[in-house]
N, C-alpha and C. Protein backbone atom coordinates (compact mmCIF):
# COMPACT_ATOMS: atom_id res chain seq x y z
N UNK A 1 30.29 83.41 128.11
CA UNK A 1 30.87 82.68 129.29
C UNK A 1 30.22 81.33 129.38
N UNK A 2 31.02 80.31 129.70
CA UNK A 2 30.55 78.93 129.81
C UNK A 2 29.77 78.81 131.11
N UNK A 3 28.63 78.15 131.12
CA UNK A 3 27.82 77.95 132.29
C UNK A 3 27.35 76.53 132.34
N UNK A 4 27.08 76.01 133.50
CA UNK A 4 26.61 74.63 133.73
C UNK A 4 25.27 74.72 134.46
N UNK A 5 24.36 73.89 134.06
CA UNK A 5 23.06 73.81 134.72
C UNK A 5 22.81 72.38 135.30
N UNK A 6 22.13 72.35 136.43
CA UNK A 6 21.80 71.01 136.99
C UNK A 6 20.48 71.08 137.74
N UNK A 7 19.71 69.99 137.63
CA UNK A 7 18.46 69.89 138.34
C UNK A 7 18.80 69.48 139.81
N UNK A 8 18.38 70.29 140.71
CA UNK A 8 18.70 69.99 142.12
C UNK A 8 17.54 69.50 142.96
N UNK A 9 16.25 69.67 142.43
CA UNK A 9 15.11 69.20 143.19
C UNK A 9 13.98 69.14 142.21
N UNK A 10 13.06 68.19 142.46
CA UNK A 10 11.97 68.02 141.59
C UNK A 10 10.71 67.53 142.30
N UNK A 11 10.03 68.47 143.01
CA UNK A 11 8.77 68.05 143.68
C UNK A 11 7.67 67.78 142.70
N UNK A 12 6.74 66.87 143.06
CA UNK A 12 5.64 66.49 142.20
C UNK A 12 4.36 66.91 142.81
N UNK A 13 3.48 67.57 142.04
CA UNK A 13 2.19 68.06 142.53
C UNK A 13 1.12 67.35 141.76
N UNK A 14 0.07 66.90 142.49
CA UNK A 14 -1.05 66.20 141.90
C UNK A 14 -2.21 67.23 141.66
N UNK A 15 -2.80 67.19 140.50
CA UNK A 15 -3.93 68.08 140.17
C UNK A 15 -3.52 69.49 140.41
N UNK A 16 -2.30 69.76 140.08
CA UNK A 16 -1.69 71.20 140.09
C UNK A 16 -1.73 71.83 141.45
N UNK A 17 -1.91 71.06 142.59
CA UNK A 17 -1.92 71.76 143.85
C UNK A 17 -1.28 71.00 145.02
N UNK A 18 -1.58 69.67 145.19
CA UNK A 18 -1.11 69.02 146.37
C UNK A 18 0.21 68.31 146.10
N UNK A 19 1.23 68.58 147.00
CA UNK A 19 2.51 67.99 146.91
C UNK A 19 2.35 66.45 147.25
N UNK A 20 2.85 65.62 146.40
CA UNK A 20 2.69 64.17 146.61
C UNK A 20 4.10 63.42 146.68
N UNK A 21 5.17 64.16 146.59
CA UNK A 21 6.48 63.55 146.67
C UNK A 21 7.54 64.30 145.87
N UNK A 22 8.73 63.69 145.87
CA UNK A 22 9.84 64.26 145.14
C UNK A 22 10.42 63.15 144.20
N UNK A 23 10.77 63.62 142.98
CA UNK A 23 11.31 62.74 141.96
C UNK A 23 12.79 62.48 142.24
N UNK A 24 13.17 61.30 141.98
CA UNK A 24 14.61 61.00 141.77
C UNK A 24 14.93 61.02 140.29
N UNK A 25 13.95 60.52 139.55
CA UNK A 25 14.08 60.53 138.10
C UNK A 25 12.69 60.83 137.48
N UNK A 26 12.74 61.68 136.40
CA UNK A 26 11.51 61.99 135.65
C UNK A 26 11.92 61.93 134.17
N UNK A 27 11.52 60.84 133.45
CA UNK A 27 11.88 60.75 132.11
C UNK A 27 10.77 61.23 131.22
N UNK A 28 10.98 62.36 130.66
CA UNK A 28 10.00 62.99 129.73
C UNK A 28 10.06 62.15 128.45
N UNK A 29 8.88 61.97 127.90
CA UNK A 29 8.84 61.23 126.63
C UNK A 29 9.66 61.90 125.57
N UNK A 30 10.29 61.12 124.67
CA UNK A 30 10.98 61.65 123.47
C UNK A 30 9.88 62.07 122.51
N UNK A 31 10.11 63.22 121.91
CA UNK A 31 9.17 63.68 120.87
C UNK A 31 9.69 63.16 119.52
N UNK A 32 8.95 62.29 118.94
CA UNK A 32 9.39 61.79 117.68
C UNK A 32 8.35 62.04 116.56
N UNK A 33 8.72 62.76 115.54
CA UNK A 33 7.90 63.06 114.43
C UNK A 33 7.95 61.86 113.50
N UNK A 34 6.79 61.47 113.00
CA UNK A 34 6.71 60.35 112.08
C UNK A 34 7.21 60.85 110.67
N UNK A 35 7.92 60.08 109.97
CA UNK A 35 8.49 60.44 108.66
C UNK A 35 7.93 59.63 107.49
N UNK A 36 7.88 60.20 106.35
CA UNK A 36 7.41 59.52 105.16
C UNK A 36 8.62 59.50 104.21
N UNK A 37 8.89 58.34 103.64
CA UNK A 37 10.01 58.22 102.68
C UNK A 37 9.48 58.51 101.27
N UNK A 38 10.39 59.22 100.56
CA UNK A 38 10.08 59.54 99.18
C UNK A 38 11.28 59.10 98.32
N UNK A 39 10.91 58.22 97.40
CA UNK A 39 11.95 57.73 96.41
C UNK A 39 11.45 57.82 95.00
N UNK A 40 11.98 58.63 94.18
CA UNK A 40 11.46 58.78 92.83
C UNK A 40 12.50 58.37 91.80
N UNK A 41 11.99 58.05 90.61
CA UNK A 41 12.96 57.72 89.51
C UNK A 41 13.82 58.92 89.22
N UNK A 42 15.10 58.65 89.09
CA UNK A 42 16.02 59.67 88.73
C UNK A 42 16.64 60.45 89.93
N UNK A 43 16.09 60.22 91.12
CA UNK A 43 16.62 60.97 92.26
C UNK A 43 17.89 60.20 92.79
N UNK A 44 18.72 60.99 93.42
CA UNK A 44 20.03 60.43 93.91
C UNK A 44 19.85 59.66 95.19
N UNK A 45 18.74 59.70 95.79
CA UNK A 45 18.57 58.95 97.08
C UNK A 45 17.16 59.09 97.59
N UNK A 46 16.99 58.56 98.77
CA UNK A 46 15.66 58.52 99.43
C UNK A 46 15.64 59.76 100.41
N UNK A 47 14.50 60.48 100.30
CA UNK A 47 14.36 61.63 101.17
C UNK A 47 13.24 61.35 102.14
N UNK A 48 13.47 61.74 103.37
CA UNK A 48 12.44 61.57 104.44
C UNK A 48 11.94 62.90 104.81
N UNK A 49 10.60 63.06 104.81
CA UNK A 49 9.96 64.29 105.16
C UNK A 49 8.96 64.08 106.28
N UNK A 50 8.81 65.03 107.15
CA UNK A 50 7.91 64.87 108.34
C UNK A 50 6.48 64.86 107.87
N UNK A 51 5.68 64.01 108.51
CA UNK A 51 4.25 64.12 108.33
C UNK A 51 3.58 64.66 109.55
N UNK A 52 2.37 64.97 109.44
CA UNK A 52 1.65 65.64 110.47
C UNK A 52 1.21 64.62 111.60
N UNK A 53 2.19 64.12 112.28
CA UNK A 53 1.83 63.15 113.29
C UNK A 53 3.01 62.91 114.22
N UNK A 54 2.70 62.61 115.42
CA UNK A 54 3.78 62.20 116.39
C UNK A 54 3.63 60.79 116.81
N UNK A 55 4.72 60.17 117.15
CA UNK A 55 4.65 58.81 117.74
C UNK A 55 4.10 58.97 119.18
N UNK A 56 3.59 57.81 119.71
CA UNK A 56 3.08 57.79 121.08
C UNK A 56 4.21 58.27 122.09
N UNK A 57 3.74 58.92 123.13
CA UNK A 57 4.68 59.44 124.15
C UNK A 57 4.59 58.63 125.43
N UNK A 58 5.72 57.92 125.76
CA UNK A 58 5.75 57.17 126.98
C UNK A 58 6.88 57.69 127.85
N UNK A 59 6.58 57.77 129.19
CA UNK A 59 7.59 58.32 130.10
C UNK A 59 7.53 57.47 131.37
N UNK A 60 8.42 57.88 132.33
CA UNK A 60 8.44 57.22 133.64
C UNK A 60 8.86 58.18 134.70
N UNK A 61 8.51 57.79 135.93
CA UNK A 61 8.87 58.59 137.09
C UNK A 61 9.34 57.62 138.17
N UNK A 62 10.38 58.04 138.88
CA UNK A 62 10.93 57.30 140.05
C UNK A 62 10.82 58.30 141.19
N UNK A 63 10.09 57.98 142.28
CA UNK A 63 9.88 58.87 143.36
C UNK A 63 10.70 58.33 144.55
N UNK A 64 11.43 59.29 145.24
CA UNK A 64 12.17 58.89 146.42
C UNK A 64 11.18 58.63 147.58
N UNK A 65 10.11 59.31 147.61
CA UNK A 65 9.01 59.11 148.51
C UNK A 65 7.75 59.62 147.89
N UNK A 66 6.76 58.73 147.87
CA UNK A 66 5.48 59.11 147.25
C UNK A 66 4.35 58.99 148.27
N UNK A 67 3.52 59.95 148.33
CA UNK A 67 2.32 59.90 149.19
C UNK A 67 1.41 58.75 148.75
N UNK A 68 0.68 58.11 149.71
CA UNK A 68 -0.20 57.00 149.38
C UNK A 68 -1.25 57.40 148.28
N UNK A 69 -1.66 58.70 148.22
CA UNK A 69 -2.59 59.14 147.14
C UNK A 69 -1.97 58.96 145.79
N UNK A 70 -0.73 59.21 145.65
CA UNK A 70 -0.02 59.11 144.34
C UNK A 70 0.18 57.62 144.01
N UNK A 71 0.42 56.78 144.97
CA UNK A 71 0.59 55.34 144.78
C UNK A 71 -0.73 54.77 144.21
N UNK A 72 -1.84 55.17 144.73
CA UNK A 72 -3.12 54.69 144.23
C UNK A 72 -3.42 55.15 142.83
N UNK A 73 -3.08 56.34 142.51
CA UNK A 73 -3.38 56.91 141.19
C UNK A 73 -2.50 56.14 140.12
N UNK A 74 -1.25 55.87 140.44
CA UNK A 74 -0.37 55.22 139.49
C UNK A 74 -0.74 53.74 139.29
N UNK A 75 -1.60 53.23 140.06
CA UNK A 75 -2.08 51.84 139.95
C UNK A 75 -3.32 51.67 139.16
N UNK A 76 -3.98 52.70 138.74
CA UNK A 76 -5.25 52.64 138.03
C UNK A 76 -5.01 52.98 136.55
N UNK A 77 -5.04 52.03 135.64
CA UNK A 77 -4.77 52.33 134.24
C UNK A 77 -5.97 52.93 133.53
N UNK A 78 -7.13 53.02 134.11
CA UNK A 78 -8.32 53.53 133.49
C UNK A 78 -8.53 55.01 133.65
N UNK A 79 -7.91 55.58 134.71
CA UNK A 79 -8.11 56.99 134.98
C UNK A 79 -6.82 57.81 134.80
N UNK A 80 -7.00 58.90 134.04
CA UNK A 80 -5.81 59.70 133.72
C UNK A 80 -5.43 60.47 135.01
N UNK A 81 -4.12 60.59 135.15
CA UNK A 81 -3.60 61.36 136.27
C UNK A 81 -3.04 62.71 135.71
N UNK A 82 -3.37 63.80 136.47
CA UNK A 82 -2.92 65.09 136.11
C UNK A 82 -1.89 65.56 137.20
N UNK A 83 -0.64 65.76 136.74
CA UNK A 83 0.36 66.11 137.73
C UNK A 83 1.40 67.05 137.07
N UNK A 84 2.16 67.68 137.98
CA UNK A 84 3.23 68.59 137.56
C UNK A 84 4.51 68.16 138.22
N UNK A 85 5.62 68.34 137.51
CA UNK A 85 6.95 68.17 138.07
C UNK A 85 7.63 69.57 137.99
N UNK A 86 8.08 70.08 139.14
CA UNK A 86 8.79 71.35 139.13
C UNK A 86 10.25 71.09 139.27
N UNK A 87 10.97 71.17 138.18
CA UNK A 87 12.44 70.88 138.13
C UNK A 87 13.17 72.18 138.45
N UNK A 88 13.84 72.19 139.59
CA UNK A 88 14.64 73.40 139.95
C UNK A 88 15.98 73.32 139.20
N UNK A 89 16.17 74.24 138.34
CA UNK A 89 17.39 74.31 137.58
C UNK A 89 18.28 75.37 138.05
N UNK A 90 19.42 74.91 138.67
CA UNK A 90 20.47 75.83 139.12
C UNK A 90 21.51 75.98 138.06
N UNK A 91 21.88 77.23 137.74
CA UNK A 91 22.88 77.52 136.73
C UNK A 91 24.13 78.08 137.45
N UNK A 92 25.28 77.51 137.14
CA UNK A 92 26.55 78.01 137.67
C UNK A 92 27.47 78.46 136.67
N UNK A 93 28.19 79.53 136.94
CA UNK A 93 29.26 80.04 136.13
C UNK A 93 30.53 80.20 136.86
N UNK A 94 31.51 80.92 136.32
CA UNK A 94 32.80 81.09 137.00
C UNK A 94 32.71 81.71 138.39
N UNK A 95 31.63 82.49 138.67
CA UNK A 95 31.55 83.19 139.93
C UNK A 95 30.52 82.46 140.87
N UNK A 96 30.19 81.25 140.53
CA UNK A 96 29.21 80.51 141.35
C UNK A 96 27.82 80.49 140.88
N UNK A 97 26.86 80.36 141.74
CA UNK A 97 25.46 80.27 141.33
C UNK A 97 24.99 81.53 140.68
N UNK A 98 24.49 81.44 139.44
CA UNK A 98 23.92 82.51 138.72
C UNK A 98 22.41 82.58 138.99
N UNK A 99 22.03 83.36 139.98
CA UNK A 99 20.61 83.41 140.37
C UNK A 99 19.72 83.96 139.31
N UNK A 100 20.24 84.87 138.50
CA UNK A 100 19.44 85.51 137.45
C UNK A 100 19.00 84.47 136.32
N UNK A 101 19.87 83.47 136.06
CA UNK A 101 19.61 82.53 135.09
C UNK A 101 19.05 81.18 135.59
N UNK A 102 19.10 81.01 136.89
CA UNK A 102 18.51 79.80 137.54
C UNK A 102 17.00 80.00 137.52
N UNK A 103 16.28 78.86 137.33
CA UNK A 103 14.80 78.93 137.20
C UNK A 103 14.18 77.60 137.60
N UNK A 104 12.98 77.54 137.38
CA UNK A 104 12.17 76.26 137.62
C UNK A 104 11.45 75.95 136.32
N UNK A 105 11.70 74.70 135.76
CA UNK A 105 10.93 74.22 134.63
C UNK A 105 9.74 73.46 135.17
N UNK A 106 8.57 73.89 134.78
CA UNK A 106 7.34 73.27 135.21
C UNK A 106 6.84 72.38 134.08
N UNK A 107 6.68 71.05 134.33
CA UNK A 107 6.20 70.17 133.29
C UNK A 107 4.83 69.64 133.75
N UNK A 108 3.83 69.98 132.95
CA UNK A 108 2.49 69.54 133.19
C UNK A 108 2.22 68.22 132.39
N UNK A 109 1.71 67.20 133.06
CA UNK A 109 1.50 65.95 132.41
C UNK A 109 0.06 65.41 132.70
N UNK A 110 -0.54 64.96 131.70
CA UNK A 110 -1.81 64.15 131.83
C UNK A 110 -1.41 62.81 131.28
N UNK A 111 -1.59 61.80 132.10
CA UNK A 111 -1.05 60.50 131.69
C UNK A 111 -1.91 59.32 132.21
N UNK A 112 -1.79 58.23 131.47
CA UNK A 112 -2.41 56.95 131.89
C UNK A 112 -1.22 56.07 132.34
N UNK A 113 -1.21 55.65 133.62
CA UNK A 113 -0.19 54.80 134.08
C UNK A 113 -0.47 53.35 133.73
N UNK A 114 0.57 52.67 133.28
CA UNK A 114 0.37 51.29 132.85
C UNK A 114 1.36 50.31 133.56
N UNK A 115 2.29 50.79 134.35
CA UNK A 115 3.12 49.93 135.09
C UNK A 115 3.59 50.65 136.34
N UNK A 116 3.47 49.96 137.47
CA UNK A 116 3.76 50.59 138.73
C UNK A 116 4.44 49.58 139.66
N UNK A 117 5.59 50.02 140.25
CA UNK A 117 6.30 49.15 141.21
C UNK A 117 6.27 49.77 142.60
N UNK A 118 5.59 49.21 143.48
CA UNK A 118 5.43 49.70 144.83
C UNK A 118 6.78 49.54 145.54
N UNK A 119 7.07 50.51 146.50
CA UNK A 119 8.34 50.47 147.19
C UNK A 119 8.45 49.25 148.09
N UNK A 120 9.57 48.68 148.15
CA UNK A 120 9.88 47.57 149.04
C UNK A 120 10.29 48.12 150.42
N UNK A 121 10.56 47.24 151.32
CA UNK A 121 10.95 47.70 152.66
C UNK A 121 12.35 47.12 152.98
N UNK A 122 13.19 47.98 153.38
CA UNK A 122 14.58 47.60 153.70
C UNK A 122 15.00 48.51 154.86
N UNK A 123 15.53 47.92 155.89
CA UNK A 123 15.89 48.75 157.12
C UNK A 123 16.90 49.82 156.70
N UNK A 124 16.57 51.04 157.24
CA UNK A 124 17.49 52.21 157.06
C UNK A 124 17.63 52.74 155.59
N UNK A 125 16.72 52.34 154.71
CA UNK A 125 16.75 52.83 153.38
C UNK A 125 15.37 53.33 152.94
N UNK A 126 15.38 54.43 152.24
CA UNK A 126 14.11 55.00 151.77
C UNK A 126 13.58 54.13 150.66
N UNK A 127 12.27 53.92 150.64
CA UNK A 127 11.59 53.17 149.61
C UNK A 127 11.47 54.03 148.34
N UNK A 128 11.57 53.38 147.16
CA UNK A 128 11.38 54.10 145.91
C UNK A 128 10.18 53.53 145.22
N UNK A 129 9.40 54.39 144.55
CA UNK A 129 8.29 54.04 143.78
C UNK A 129 8.48 54.44 142.34
N UNK A 130 8.36 53.46 141.40
CA UNK A 130 8.56 53.80 140.00
C UNK A 130 7.27 53.48 139.27
N UNK A 131 6.99 54.19 138.21
CA UNK A 131 5.81 54.00 137.41
C UNK A 131 6.06 54.47 136.00
N UNK A 132 5.55 53.72 135.06
CA UNK A 132 5.57 54.09 133.64
C UNK A 132 4.18 54.53 133.16
N UNK A 133 4.21 55.48 132.20
CA UNK A 133 2.95 56.08 131.76
C UNK A 133 2.95 56.41 130.34
N UNK A 134 1.75 56.57 129.79
CA UNK A 134 1.56 57.01 128.41
C UNK A 134 0.91 58.41 128.51
N UNK A 135 1.48 59.33 127.74
CA UNK A 135 1.03 60.73 127.86
C UNK A 135 -0.07 61.02 126.92
N UNK A 136 -1.08 61.80 127.40
CA UNK A 136 -2.09 62.31 126.49
C UNK A 136 -1.95 63.86 126.40
N UNK A 137 -1.30 64.46 127.38
CA UNK A 137 -1.01 65.89 127.32
C UNK A 137 0.30 66.13 127.97
N UNK A 138 1.15 66.97 127.36
CA UNK A 138 2.45 67.38 127.88
C UNK A 138 2.67 68.83 127.60
N UNK A 139 3.03 69.60 128.63
CA UNK A 139 3.38 70.98 128.44
C UNK A 139 4.48 71.31 129.38
N UNK A 140 5.50 72.01 128.87
CA UNK A 140 6.61 72.43 129.69
C UNK A 140 6.89 73.88 129.47
N UNK A 141 7.08 74.62 130.57
CA UNK A 141 7.36 76.06 130.51
C UNK A 141 8.33 76.48 131.64
N UNK A 142 8.96 77.59 131.42
CA UNK A 142 9.71 78.21 132.52
C UNK A 142 8.70 78.87 133.41
N UNK A 143 8.93 78.76 134.72
CA UNK A 143 7.99 79.29 135.73
C UNK A 143 7.84 80.79 135.55
N UNK A 144 8.84 81.49 135.00
CA UNK A 144 8.74 82.93 134.82
C UNK A 144 8.04 83.38 133.51
N UNK A 145 7.57 82.44 132.76
CA UNK A 145 7.05 82.76 131.40
C UNK A 145 5.66 82.11 131.32
N UNK A 146 4.76 82.82 130.62
CA UNK A 146 3.44 82.29 130.40
C UNK A 146 3.42 81.48 129.08
N UNK A 147 4.39 81.60 128.30
CA UNK A 147 4.46 80.93 126.97
C UNK A 147 5.12 79.57 127.15
N UNK A 148 4.43 78.47 126.87
CA UNK A 148 5.07 77.18 126.96
C UNK A 148 6.18 77.00 125.96
N UNK A 149 7.25 76.25 126.40
CA UNK A 149 8.34 75.87 125.52
C UNK A 149 7.79 74.80 124.55
N UNK A 150 7.02 73.83 125.13
CA UNK A 150 6.49 72.73 124.30
C UNK A 150 5.07 72.52 124.90
N UNK A 151 4.13 72.24 123.97
CA UNK A 151 2.79 71.86 124.34
C UNK A 151 2.23 70.87 123.39
N UNK A 152 1.87 69.67 123.91
CA UNK A 152 1.24 68.62 123.05
C UNK A 152 0.03 68.15 123.80
N UNK A 153 -1.10 68.09 123.07
CA UNK A 153 -2.36 67.61 123.65
C UNK A 153 -3.04 66.81 122.59
N UNK A 154 -3.00 65.50 122.72
CA UNK A 154 -3.52 64.58 121.69
C UNK A 154 -5.07 64.75 121.50
N UNK A 155 -5.76 64.93 122.60
CA UNK A 155 -7.25 65.10 122.54
C UNK A 155 -7.67 66.38 121.96
N UNK A 156 -6.91 67.44 122.23
CA UNK A 156 -7.26 68.78 121.70
C UNK A 156 -6.59 69.06 120.32
N UNK A 157 -5.76 68.08 119.83
CA UNK A 157 -5.04 68.24 118.59
C UNK A 157 -4.12 69.45 118.60
N UNK A 158 -3.32 69.62 119.65
CA UNK A 158 -2.39 70.72 119.84
C UNK A 158 -0.98 70.24 119.81
N UNK A 159 -0.14 70.86 118.97
CA UNK A 159 1.28 70.64 118.96
C UNK A 159 1.98 71.99 118.71
N UNK A 160 2.52 72.58 119.78
CA UNK A 160 3.11 73.91 119.69
C UNK A 160 4.51 73.87 120.32
N UNK A 161 5.38 74.69 119.69
CA UNK A 161 6.75 74.93 120.26
C UNK A 161 6.90 76.47 120.41
N UNK A 162 7.26 76.91 121.56
CA UNK A 162 7.41 78.32 121.94
C UNK A 162 6.11 79.05 121.57
N UNK A 163 4.95 78.48 121.85
CA UNK A 163 3.67 79.10 121.68
C UNK A 163 3.15 79.12 120.21
N UNK A 164 3.86 78.59 119.28
CA UNK A 164 3.46 78.63 117.86
C UNK A 164 3.14 77.21 117.40
N UNK A 165 2.08 77.08 116.60
CA UNK A 165 1.68 75.80 116.05
C UNK A 165 2.82 75.25 115.16
N UNK A 166 3.12 73.97 115.31
CA UNK A 166 4.16 73.41 114.48
C UNK A 166 3.65 73.28 113.05
N UNK A 167 2.39 72.91 112.95
CA UNK A 167 1.78 72.74 111.62
C UNK A 167 0.73 73.82 111.45
N UNK A 168 0.74 74.51 110.34
CA UNK A 168 -0.31 75.53 110.10
C UNK A 168 -1.65 74.83 109.92
N UNK A 169 -2.75 75.53 110.26
CA UNK A 169 -4.11 74.91 110.10
C UNK A 169 -4.44 74.68 108.67
């Protein structure tokens, strides 16, 4: 049966505990494997094979309202911020909301912020705060599962998908 999913809410938690706002947009970095080209005499073409390395991970967040604590953290490029985004995923089918398949995707991020736009002031409009960051650790999992869907940690040299190492040791 055909189903549709949509993110309906995305609260942001700092240091895995204190609520610091709600996302309007959260752009998770694209995971890009670096490739090596192989071209040999007599081959019919150039073959690209993955190497054991990822490109840098850059992302961004736009908050509909951010606590002052979060504004300060996104302004300091020297100190890593540890935060979570809880994306509420509602799944709908022919009979309406499918509560059994609806879930929350929890994205854990350790990042260094390098661009931050403070909210302006305009009468009768909510201020928005946007910030760009470079990721050192990224992990996403279903809230009902202890096994991460994706886990990348550049300092610990971890790259796993569904709990399994992408590259054998």
